């Protein structure tokens, strides 16, 4: 795999770099961790006298025909991101409308940074269409993937485009690969996985991959509820995954000493919505004993301030520990940002689904394409 950091100024000067990033966030703002994470690659390219055309997507809009006004699809427009990026970079980011993407004269423009409209407005983006990929490739001289969070998708701007341009891994993508490989293959024992969120299904691959490696699995949210259901805990109306009860039962039977479950909980309307104070202390003791921590998914319903204490306390316990800590998942990382604890963790991944798939041992199409 070729890395952006190894390109010299002589190889970048006067070039146009197509930079695939991920601006697919709930709210585009200056404080978004995912947006701040891609700034180093942009700055590196500008410092080495290259122009930058930023490629990204937002949400799941239906594809549009060129020439169609997107007025009815403003919620999916990346235009607000141009202003945010301009502020963060202290440089003008020229936004290019959907119907002007293939006609704009990037090479002769006085601007140095361009942001293209949402690529998912194109029919062929999600289907990895080679024709669309080639049209995009014709806009530049090199391609850089710095969008780990979408590298598990076979999209035209992630996979097919690498057939038409010299392709490189961006600075952020390189960090993602390095740190994820570290916790998979060179971790220090004991290894602890903290797994929360709503669905067991999304986490099964990661649990299977690490079941013989990890010392403990600390569970919360709907994941914990599914295991508690197997043990006969009265969940009432709490969220759990009916289809994954057999999986949870087998794990509890084969590895009972590895599964850490809530000892007390906070409830509302007959639903478990957070771990309780006893569980916080119980979990914190294990955190203090471990040397490597992987965390994905909140331990409670963090959208409601009344049920954030569990996730907040566990985050602070990890921040105080001496363990190498890697966290990921959109909800979890946004929550960490709000607590101003970003710098207290060893590495924060920009990936949610991509991180889960990578830590399940799967090969991600976007990364494989760079090889």
Protein backbone atom coordinates (compact mmCIF):
# COMPACT_ATOMS: atom_id res chain seq x y z
CA UNK A 1 0.00 0.00 0.00
CA UNK A 2 1.23 3.48 -0.83
CA UNK A 3 0.97 6.24 1.76
CA UNK A 4 0.38 9.95 1.25
CA UNK A 5 3.05 10.86 3.81
CA UNK A 6 5.75 9.40 1.52
CA UNK A 7 4.95 11.69 -1.42
CA UNK A 8 7.49 14.47 -1.85
CA UNK A 9 6.72 18.04 -2.78
CA UNK A 10 8.16 17.49 -6.25
CA UNK A 11 5.56 14.77 -6.87
CA UNK A 12 2.64 16.84 -5.56
CA UNK A 13 3.41 20.34 -6.79
CA UNK A 14 0.87 21.44 -9.37
CA UNK A 15 -1.11 18.20 -9.05
CA UNK A 16 -4.82 17.88 -8.31
CA UNK A 17 -5.52 15.37 -5.53
CA UNK A 18 -8.95 13.77 -5.23
CA UNK A 19 -9.33 13.34 -1.48
CA UNK A 20 -12.10 10.99 -0.31
CA UNK A 21 -13.15 11.90 3.22
CA UNK A 22 -16.21 11.17 5.32
CA UNK A 23 -18.49 14.10 6.16
CA UNK A 24 -21.40 11.79 6.92
CA UNK A 25 -22.23 13.13 10.39
CA UNK A 26 -25.54 13.91 12.07
CA UNK A 27 -24.65 17.57 12.40
CA UNK A 28 -21.84 19.22 10.47
CA UNK A 29 -20.01 21.47 12.92
CA UNK A 30 -16.55 22.73 13.85
CA UNK A 31 -16.56 20.41 16.88
CA UNK A 32 -17.22 17.21 14.94
CA UNK A 33 -14.36 14.79 15.65
CA UNK A 34 -14.75 13.13 12.25
CA UNK A 35 -14.35 16.46 10.46
CA UNK A 36 -11.34 17.56 12.51
CA UNK A 37 -9.68 14.20 11.88
CA UNK A 38 -9.31 14.78 8.13
CA UNK A 39 -7.68 18.23 8.36
CA UNK A 40 -4.06 16.94 8.48
CA UNK A 41 -4.28 15.32 5.02
CA UNK A 42 -5.75 18.48 3.50
CA UNK A 43 -3.03 20.60 5.09
CA UNK A 44 -0.31 18.19 3.92
CA UNK A 45 -1.51 18.42 0.32
CA UNK A 46 -1.75 22.21 0.42
CA UNK A 47 1.67 22.53 2.03
CA UNK A 48 3.11 20.54 -0.86
CA UNK A 49 1.50 22.82 -3.44
CA UNK A 50 -1.27 20.47 -4.60
CA UNK A 51 -4.86 21.42 -5.23
CA UNK A 52 -7.49 19.42 -3.36
CA UNK A 53 -10.86 18.23 -4.61
CA UNK A 54 -12.79 16.81 -1.65
CA UNK A 55 -15.16 13.89 -2.29
CA UNK A 56 -17.73 12.78 0.25
CA UNK A 57 -21.32 11.72 0.84
CA UNK A 58 -24.04 12.55 3.36
CA UNK A 59 -26.95 10.35 4.34
CA UNK A 60 -28.90 8.16 1.95
CA UNK A 61 -30.58 10.40 -0.61
CA UNK A 62 -32.10 8.95 -3.74
CA UNK A 63 -29.93 9.43 -6.86
CA UNK A 64 -30.76 12.46 -9.03
CA UNK A 65 -30.34 13.23 -12.72
CA UNK A 66 -27.79 15.89 -13.61
CA UNK A 67 -29.53 19.19 -14.12
CA UNK A 68 -32.22 18.45 -11.54
CA UNK A 69 -32.47 21.04 -8.79
CA UNK A 70 -31.74 19.55 -5.37
CA UNK A 71 -34.04 22.00 -3.56
CA UNK A 72 -36.11 19.13 -2.19
CA UNK A 73 -32.99 17.40 -0.90
CA UNK A 74 -31.26 20.24 0.97
CA UNK A 75 -30.90 18.11 4.09
CA UNK A 76 -28.43 15.97 2.12
CA UNK A 77 -26.38 18.86 0.72
CA UNK A 78 -22.73 19.21 1.69
CA UNK A 79 -22.76 22.95 1.11
CA UNK A 80 -22.72 23.79 4.87
CA UNK A 81 -19.54 21.73 5.18
CA UNK A 82 -17.69 24.08 2.82
CA UNK A 83 -18.15 26.95 5.27
CA UNK A 84 -17.10 24.82 8.26
CA UNK A 85 -13.99 23.56 6.47
CA UNK A 86 -13.12 27.09 5.37
CA UNK A 87 -13.22 28.20 9.01
CA UNK A 88 -11.17 25.27 10.27
CA UNK A 89 -8.53 25.63 7.53
CA UNK A 90 -8.55 29.43 7.43
CA UNK A 91 -8.72 29.07 3.66
CA UNK A 92 -11.53 29.40 1.14
CA UNK A 93 -13.17 26.07 0.26
CA UNK A 94 -15.01 26.42 -3.04
CA UNK A 95 -18.27 24.45 -3.09
CA UNK A 96 -19.12 22.91 -6.47
CA UNK A 97 -22.82 22.29 -7.14
CA UNK A 98 -24.09 18.90 -8.28
CA UNK A 99 -24.75 19.97 -11.88
CA UNK A 100 -21.35 21.69 -12.29
CA UNK A 101 -19.04 18.96 -10.95
CA UNK A 102 -17.88 17.70 -14.36
CA UNK A 103 -17.79 21.09 -16.09
CA UNK A 104 -15.88 23.18 -13.56
CA UNK A 105 -12.33 24.22 -14.52
CA UNK A 106 -10.47 23.13 -11.41
CA UNK A 107 -7.01 23.35 -12.91
CA UNK A 108 -7.25 27.00 -13.90
CA UNK A 109 -9.28 28.17 -10.93
CA UNK A 110 -7.64 30.50 -8.43
CA UNK A 111 -9.10 28.37 -5.64
CA UNK A 112 -6.98 25.57 -4.17
CA UNK A 113 -9.61 23.59 -2.26
CA UNK A 114 -12.92 22.37 -3.68
CA UNK A 115 -15.76 20.44 -2.07
CA UNK A 116 -18.03 18.54 -4.43
CA UNK A 117 -21.72 18.08 -3.73
CA UNK A 118 -22.92 14.83 -2.15
CA UNK A 119 -21.70 11.95 -4.34
CA UNK A 120 -24.72 9.82 -3.44
CA UNK A 121 -26.82 12.05 -5.67
CA UNK A 122 -25.15 10.07 -8.47
CA UNK A 123 -26.79 6.79 -9.46
CA UNK A 124 -23.50 4.89 -9.64
CA UNK A 125 -21.86 5.88 -6.36
CA UNK A 126 -23.32 3.17 -4.15
CA UNK A 127 -23.17 0.53 -6.90
CA UNK A 128 -19.42 1.11 -7.46
CA UNK A 129 -20.05 2.08 -11.08
CA UNK A 130 -16.86 2.21 -13.14
CA UNK A 131 -18.19 4.88 -15.52
CA UNK A 132 -18.84 7.28 -12.64
CA UNK A 133 -15.48 6.39 -11.08
CA UNK A 134 -13.69 7.19 -14.35
CA UNK A 135 -15.48 10.54 -14.71
CA UNK A 136 -14.44 11.46 -11.17
CA UNK A 137 -10.87 10.28 -11.79
CA UNK A 138 -10.62 12.54 -14.84
CA UNK A 139 -10.92 15.55 -12.51
CA UNK A 140 -7.53 14.95 -10.89
CA UNK A 141 -4.06 13.44 -11.00
CA UNK A 142 -3.92 11.29 -7.87
CA UNK A 143 -6.43 9.72 -5.48
CA UNK A 144 -6.20 9.69 -1.68
CA UNK A 145 -8.52 7.69 0.56
CA UNK A 146 -8.80 9.23 4.01
CA UNK A 147 -12.30 7.95 4.71
CA UNK A 148 -11.90 4.92 6.96
CA UNK A 149 -15.54 5.14 8.07
CA UNK A 150 -16.77 4.31 4.56
CA UNK A 151 -13.97 1.95 3.51
CA UNK A 152 -16.18 -1.07 4.23
CA UNK A 153 -18.45 0.05 1.37
CA UNK A 154 -17.91 -0.79 -2.30
CA UNK A 155 -18.57 2.73 -3.58
CA UNK A 156 -17.35 4.26 -6.83
CA UNK A 157 -15.40 6.99 -5.01
CA UNK A 158 -13.82 4.44 -2.67
CA UNK A 159 -13.08 1.32 -4.73
CA UNK A 160 -13.58 1.62 -8.51
CA UNK A 161 -11.80 4.98 -8.71
CA UNK A 162 -8.50 3.33 -7.73
CA UNK A 163 -8.44 1.63 -11.15
CA UNK A 164 -7.91 4.97 -12.88
CA UNK A 165 -5.46 6.95 -10.73
CA UNK A 166 -2.37 6.40 -8.59
CA UNK A 167 -3.97 5.71 -5.19
CA UNK A 168 -2.71 6.42 -1.67
CA UNK A 169 -3.83 6.02 1.92
CA UNK A 170 -4.28 9.37 3.64
CA UNK A 171 -2.71 10.34 6.96
CA UNK A 172 -5.84 9.48 8.95
CA UNK A 173 -6.47 6.18 7.19
CA UNK A 174 -2.88 5.17 7.88
CA UNK A 175 -3.38 5.88 11.60
CA UNK A 176 -6.60 3.86 11.64
CA UNK A 177 -4.93 0.81 10.11
CA UNK A 178 -1.88 1.08 12.37
CA UNK A 179 -3.88 1.35 15.62
CA UNK A 180 -6.49 -1.25 14.75
CA UNK A 181 -3.76 -3.71 13.78
CA UNK A 182 -2.07 -2.96 17.11
CA UNK A 183 -5.10 -3.93 19.24
CA UNK A 184 -5.71 -7.00 17.07
CA UNK A 185 -2.21 -8.41 16.94
CA UNK A 186 0.18 -6.66 19.32
CA UNK A 187 -2.02 -5.86 22.31
CA UNK A 188 -0.85 -6.16 25.90
CA UNK A 189 -2.73 -8.50 28.22
CA UNK A 190 -5.12 -8.37 29.90
CA UNK A 191 -7.31 -7.23 27.01
CA UNK A 192 -10.78 -5.84 27.76
CA UNK A 193 -13.57 -5.21 25.24
CA UNK A 194 -16.36 -2.86 26.29
CA UNK A 195 -19.38 -3.40 24.07
CA UNK A 196 -22.61 -1.43 24.22
CA UNK A 197 -25.24 -0.07 21.87
CA UNK A 198 -28.54 -1.48 20.73
CA UNK A 199 -27.81 -4.55 18.60
CA UNK A 200 -25.83 -7.70 19.27
CA UNK A 201 -25.86 -8.48 15.54
CA UNK A 202 -23.53 -5.58 14.75
CA UNK A 203 -21.01 -6.76 17.36
CA UNK A 204 -21.05 -10.54 16.83
CA UNK A 205 -18.08 -10.62 14.44
CA UNK A 206 -15.92 -8.69 16.89
CA UNK A 207 -16.95 -10.88 19.82
CA UNK A 208 -16.13 -14.02 17.81
CA UNK A 209 -12.74 -12.69 16.70
CA UNK A 210 -11.63 -11.73 20.21
CA UNK A 211 -13.35 -14.45 22.26
CA UNK A 212 -10.11 -16.42 22.69
CA UNK A 213 -7.92 -13.34 22.96
CA UNK A 214 -9.72 -11.06 25.39
CA UNK A 215 -9.71 -11.59 29.15
CA UNK A 216 -13.09 -9.88 29.62
CA UNK A 217 -16.07 -8.56 27.68
CA UNK A 218 -17.84 -5.76 29.54
CA UNK A 219 -21.39 -5.34 28.23
CA UNK A 220 -24.03 -2.62 28.32
CA UNK A 221 -27.12 -1.44 26.44
CA UNK A 222 -29.13 -3.80 24.26
CA UNK A 223 -26.11 -6.09 23.99
CA UNK A 224 -26.05 -6.67 27.76
CA UNK A 225 -29.85 -7.05 27.82
CA UNK A 226 -29.67 -9.92 25.33
CA UNK A 227 -27.25 -11.80 27.58
CA UNK A 228 -29.33 -10.96 30.68
CA UNK A 229 -32.40 -12.36 28.93
CA UNK A 230 -30.62 -15.71 28.57
CA UNK A 231 -29.96 -15.70 32.32
CA UNK A 232 -33.62 -15.10 33.05
CA UNK A 233 -33.34 -11.47 34.14
CA UNK A 234 -36.78 -9.73 34.10
CA UNK A 235 -36.21 -7.30 31.23
CA UNK A 236 -39.88 -6.25 31.00
CA UNK A 237 -39.97 -3.83 28.03
CA UNK A 238 -36.20 -3.44 27.69
CA UNK A 239 -34.53 -3.64 24.28
CA UNK A 240 -32.80 -6.92 23.40
CA UNK A 241 -32.12 -8.98 20.27
CA UNK A 242 -34.43 -12.00 20.12
CA UNK A 243 -32.57 -13.49 17.15
CA UNK A 244 -29.24 -13.55 18.98
CA UNK A 245 -30.30 -15.33 22.17
CA UNK A 246 -28.76 -18.62 20.98
CA UNK A 247 -25.46 -16.89 20.31
CA UNK A 248 -25.50 -15.22 23.73
CA UNK A 249 -26.38 -18.54 25.38
CA UNK A 250 -23.44 -20.34 23.73
CA UNK A 251 -20.99 -17.60 24.75
CA UNK A 252 -22.23 -17.70 28.36
CA UNK A 253 -21.94 -21.50 28.39
CA UNK A 254 -18.47 -21.68 26.83
CA UNK A 255 -16.88 -18.55 28.34
CA UNK A 256 -18.81 -17.67 31.53
CA UNK A 257 -15.78 -16.15 33.25
CA UNK A 258 -15.21 -13.68 30.41
CA UNK A 259 -18.63 -12.03 30.29
CA UNK A 260 -19.19 -9.08 32.64
CA UNK A 261 -22.83 -8.01 32.97
CA UNK A 262 -24.61 -5.19 34.87
CA UNK A 263 -25.33 -5.93 38.54
CA UNK A 264 -27.80 -3.07 38.89
CA UNK A 265 -29.55 -0.81 36.37
CA UNK A 266 -31.55 2.37 35.96
CA UNK A 267 -35.02 1.96 34.50
CA UNK A 268 -37.86 4.10 33.15
CA UNK A 269 -41.19 2.97 31.74
CA UNK A 270 -40.13 -0.64 32.44
CA UNK A 271 -37.04 -0.27 30.25
CA UNK A 272 -33.38 -0.64 31.25
CA UNK A 273 -31.75 2.60 30.11
CA UNK A 274 -28.42 2.70 31.97
CA UNK A 275 -26.13 0.77 34.28
CA UNK A 276 -26.42 1.53 37.99
CA UNK A 277 -23.88 2.88 40.55
CA UNK A 278 -22.86 -0.57 41.83
CA UNK A 279 -22.12 -1.71 38.26
CA UNK A 280 -20.11 1.44 37.60
CA UNK A 281 -17.82 0.62 40.54
CA UNK A 282 -17.75 -3.06 39.58
CA UNK A 283 -16.78 -2.28 35.97
CA UNK A 284 -14.25 0.37 37.00
CA UNK A 285 -12.25 -2.20 39.01
CA UNK A 286 -11.74 -4.30 35.89
CA UNK A 287 -10.76 -1.24 33.86
CA UNK A 288 -8.02 -0.44 36.39
CA UNK A 289 -6.59 -3.96 35.99
CA UNK A 290 -6.37 -4.08 32.21
CA UNK A 291 -3.62 -2.99 29.81
CA UNK A 292 -5.55 -2.80 26.52
CA UNK A 293 -9.12 -1.56 26.06
CA UNK A 294 -11.34 -1.60 22.97
CA UNK A 295 -14.64 0.24 23.37
CA UNK A 296 -17.57 0.41 20.95
CA UNK A 297 -21.08 1.54 21.86
CA UNK A 298 -22.59 3.47 24.81
CA UNK A 299 -23.68 1.70 28.00
CA UNK A 300 -26.98 3.55 28.25
CA UNK A 301 -29.45 5.76 26.41
CA UNK A 302 -27.10 8.72 26.15
CA UNK A 303 -29.58 10.78 24.13
CA UNK A 304 -31.34 11.35 27.47
CA UNK A 305 -29.23 13.26 30.02
CA UNK A 306 -30.79 11.25 32.86
CA UNK A 307 -29.15 8.09 31.55
CA UNK A 308 -25.63 9.23 30.68
CA UNK A 309 -23.99 8.56 34.04
CA UNK A 310 -22.91 5.00 33.23
CA UNK A 311 -21.22 5.87 29.94
CA UNK A 312 -19.71 9.03 31.42
CA UNK A 313 -18.27 7.22 34.44
CA UNK A 314 -16.79 4.41 32.34
CA UNK A 315 -15.24 6.99 29.98
CA UNK A 316 -13.62 8.75 32.94
CA UNK A 317 -12.39 5.44 34.38
CA UNK A 318 -10.72 4.61 31.05
CA UNK A 319 -9.23 8.12 30.84
CA UNK A 320 -7.65 7.61 34.29
CA UNK A 321 -6.28 4.15 33.48
CA UNK A 322 -2.82 3.45 32.11
CA UNK A 323 -4.19 1.05 29.47
CA UNK A 324 -3.86 1.55 25.74
CA UNK A 325 -7.41 2.58 24.85
CA UNK A 326 -9.06 2.51 21.43
CA UNK A 327 -12.67 3.64 21.03
CA UNK A 328 -15.00 3.96 18.06
CA UNK A 329 -18.60 4.30 16.98
CA UNK A 330 -20.31 7.59 16.14
CA UNK A 331 -22.38 7.88 19.32
CA UNK A 332 -19.51 6.98 21.60
CA UNK A 333 -16.95 9.32 20.00
CA UNK A 334 -19.39 12.26 19.90
CA UNK A 335 -20.12 11.68 23.59
CA UNK A 336 -16.40 11.62 24.41
CA UNK A 337 -15.97 14.90 22.52
CA UNK A 338 -18.70 16.55 24.59
CA UNK A 339 -16.89 15.46 27.75
CA UNK A 340 -13.65 17.02 26.41
CA UNK A 341 -11.85 13.72 26.95
CA UNK A 342 -10.60 13.21 23.38
CA UNK A 343 -6.95 13.62 24.39
CA UNK A 344 -7.24 11.13 27.26
CA UNK A 345 -7.66 8.11 25.00
CA UNK A 346 -4.84 6.48 23.06
CA UNK A 347 -6.77 6.45 19.78
CA UNK A 348 -10.27 7.38 18.69
CA UNK A 349 -11.42 5.71 15.49
CA UNK A 350 -13.58 7.61 13.01
CA UNK A 351 -15.25 4.35 12.01
CA UNK A 352 -18.41 2.76 13.35
CA UNK A 353 -19.40 -0.11 11.07
CA UNK A 354 -15.96 -0.04 9.43
CA UNK A 355 -14.25 -0.44 12.78
CA UNK A 356 -16.52 -3.35 13.74
CA UNK A 357 -15.85 -5.12 10.44
CA UNK A 358 -12.09 -4.55 10.63
CA UNK A 359 -12.00 -5.84 14.22
CA UNK A 360 -13.96 -8.88 13.07
CA UNK A 361 -11.03 -9.82 10.86
CA UNK A 362 -12.77 -8.85 7.61
CA UNK A 363 -10.96 -7.22 4.70
CA UNK A 364 -12.41 -3.80 3.87
CA UNK A 365 -12.93 -3.17 0.12
CA UNK A 366 -11.66 0.42 0.30
CA UNK A 367 -8.40 -0.63 1.94
CA UNK A 368 -7.90 -3.67 -0.27
CA UNK A 369 -8.34 -1.45 -3.35
CA UNK A 370 -5.31 0.59 -2.26
CA UNK A 371 -3.18 -2.54 -2.31
